Protein backbone atom coordinates (compact mmCIF):
# COMPACT_ATOMS: atom_id res chain seq x y z
CA MET A 1 -52.99 -74.03 -26.08
CA GLN A 2 -55.93 -76.31 -25.40
CA SER A 3 -56.34 -74.91 -21.87
CA LEU A 4 -56.41 -71.36 -23.32
CA ARG A 5 -59.25 -72.33 -25.69
CA TYR A 6 -61.10 -74.00 -22.84
CA GLY A 7 -60.69 -70.89 -20.68
CA LEU A 8 -61.93 -68.61 -23.44
CA SER A 9 -64.91 -70.89 -24.11
CA VAL A 10 -65.87 -70.89 -20.44
CA ALA A 11 -65.50 -67.09 -20.28
CA ALA A 12 -67.71 -66.69 -23.35
CA LEU A 13 -70.40 -68.97 -21.89
CA VAL A 14 -70.34 -67.11 -18.59
CA ALA A 15 -70.67 -63.78 -20.39
CA LEU A 16 -73.61 -65.04 -22.47
CA ALA A 17 -75.32 -66.49 -19.42
CA ALA A 18 -74.88 -63.22 -17.52
CA CYS A 19 -76.60 -61.19 -20.21
CA GLY A 20 -79.25 -63.79 -20.98
CA GLY A 21 -77.71 -64.78 -24.28
CA GLY A 22 -78.49 -61.41 -25.77
CA SER A 23 -82.22 -62.06 -26.05
CA SER A 24 -83.25 -59.96 -23.05
CA ALA A 25 -80.96 -57.13 -24.07
CA SER A 26 -82.36 -56.99 -27.57
CA SER A 27 -85.96 -57.28 -26.36
CA ALA A 28 -85.35 -54.50 -23.83
CA ALA A 29 -83.98 -52.29 -26.59
CA SER A 30 -86.95 -53.19 -28.77
CA ASN A 31 -89.38 -52.33 -25.97
CA ALA A 32 -87.63 -49.00 -25.40
CA MET A 33 -87.87 -48.14 -29.09
CA GLN A 34 -91.57 -49.06 -29.17
CA GLY A 35 -92.18 -46.99 -26.05
CA ALA A 36 -90.50 -43.97 -27.62
CA GLY A 37 -92.63 -44.33 -30.73
CA LYS A 38 -95.80 -44.59 -28.66
CA SER A 39 -94.98 -41.45 -26.70
CA MET A 40 -94.51 -39.43 -29.88
CA ASN A 41 -97.64 -40.91 -31.49
CA SER A 42 -99.79 -40.39 -28.42
CA MET A 43 -98.52 -36.85 -27.92
CA ALA A 44 -101.34 -34.34 -27.54
CA GLN A 45 -102.56 -32.32 -30.49
CA ALA A 46 -100.76 -29.02 -30.99
CA GLU A 47 -102.37 -26.00 -29.39
CA PRO A 48 -104.07 -23.80 -31.99
CA ILE A 49 -102.35 -20.50 -32.77
CA PRO A 50 -104.35 -17.68 -31.17
CA ARG A 51 -105.77 -15.13 -33.60
CA GLU A 52 -104.11 -12.25 -31.74
CA VAL A 53 -100.57 -13.54 -32.50
CA HIS A 54 -99.51 -11.77 -35.70
CA CYS A 55 -95.95 -12.16 -36.96
CA GLY A 56 -96.37 -10.94 -40.52
CA ALA A 57 -95.09 -13.40 -43.10
CA VAL A 58 -93.25 -15.41 -40.43
CA LYS A 59 -94.97 -18.19 -38.50
CA PRO A 60 -94.95 -17.89 -34.71
CA VAL A 61 -92.76 -20.17 -32.61
CA TRP A 62 -93.86 -22.18 -29.58
CA VAL A 63 -91.95 -21.02 -26.50
CA ASN A 64 -91.45 -23.43 -23.62
CA VAL A 65 -91.21 -20.97 -20.75
CA LYS A 66 -89.82 -23.59 -18.33
CA THR A 67 -86.86 -24.65 -20.46
CA GLY A 68 -86.15 -21.33 -22.19
CA VAL A 69 -86.27 -22.79 -25.70
CA TYR A 70 -88.63 -22.29 -28.59
CA HIS A 71 -89.82 -24.78 -31.15
CA GLU A 72 -90.26 -23.88 -34.81
CA PRO A 73 -93.04 -25.18 -37.09
CA GLY A 74 -92.21 -28.78 -38.01
CA ASP A 75 -90.60 -29.54 -34.64
CA PRO A 76 -92.41 -32.43 -32.89
CA TYR A 77 -92.89 -30.27 -29.78
CA TYR A 78 -94.32 -27.27 -31.66
CA GLY A 79 -97.45 -26.33 -29.72
CA ARG A 80 -97.24 -29.40 -27.50
CA THR A 81 -95.20 -28.68 -24.35
CA LYS A 82 -97.12 -28.12 -21.13
CA ALA A 83 -95.70 -24.73 -20.16
CA GLY A 84 -95.74 -22.93 -23.47
CA MET A 85 -97.13 -20.15 -25.58
CA TYR A 86 -96.93 -18.88 -29.16
CA MET A 87 -94.77 -15.86 -29.85
CA CYS A 88 -93.14 -14.17 -32.83
CA PRO A 89 -89.55 -15.40 -33.34
CA SER A 90 -88.11 -11.89 -32.94
CA ALA A 91 -89.94 -11.38 -29.63
CA ALA A 92 -88.78 -14.79 -28.40
CA ALA A 93 -85.14 -13.92 -29.20
CA LYS A 94 -85.45 -10.51 -27.50
CA LYS A 95 -86.71 -12.21 -24.34
CA GLY A 96 -83.69 -14.52 -24.32
CA TYR A 97 -85.28 -17.73 -25.60
CA HIS A 98 -83.24 -19.84 -28.01
CA VAL A 99 -84.14 -22.35 -30.71
CA SER A 100 -84.41 -25.96 -29.59
CA GLY A 101 -82.23 -28.74 -30.91
CA GLY A 102 -85.36 -30.37 -32.40
CA ALA A 103 -86.17 -31.50 -35.92
CA MET A 104 -85.89 -28.09 -37.54
CA ALA A 105 -82.73 -26.84 -35.80
CA GLY A 106 -80.63 -27.16 -38.95
CA HIS A 107 -83.29 -25.71 -41.28
CA ARG A 108 -83.33 -22.05 -40.21
């Protein structure tokens, strides 16, 4: 019984030593979270909606022409992707674009 405890203790110490005692893993996760927050905070300002885009009472969507998705108002990527343009939602759907899985995906 005592040799089993000793073996488990040694295995636990080896595992902790291999991962740095958990400190490097948690600091790496913390750095990743901070990096994600910085990228969203430092994201460029949204492109202004051109005056010639008229969708009636509905707000235009931002279409990312490279990915084939559109972002609705309130989505973090609305007006912010590199290869994009504003379009009426009905026109975007007719051209085969689909709503992104972003912040507003469940609020349609």
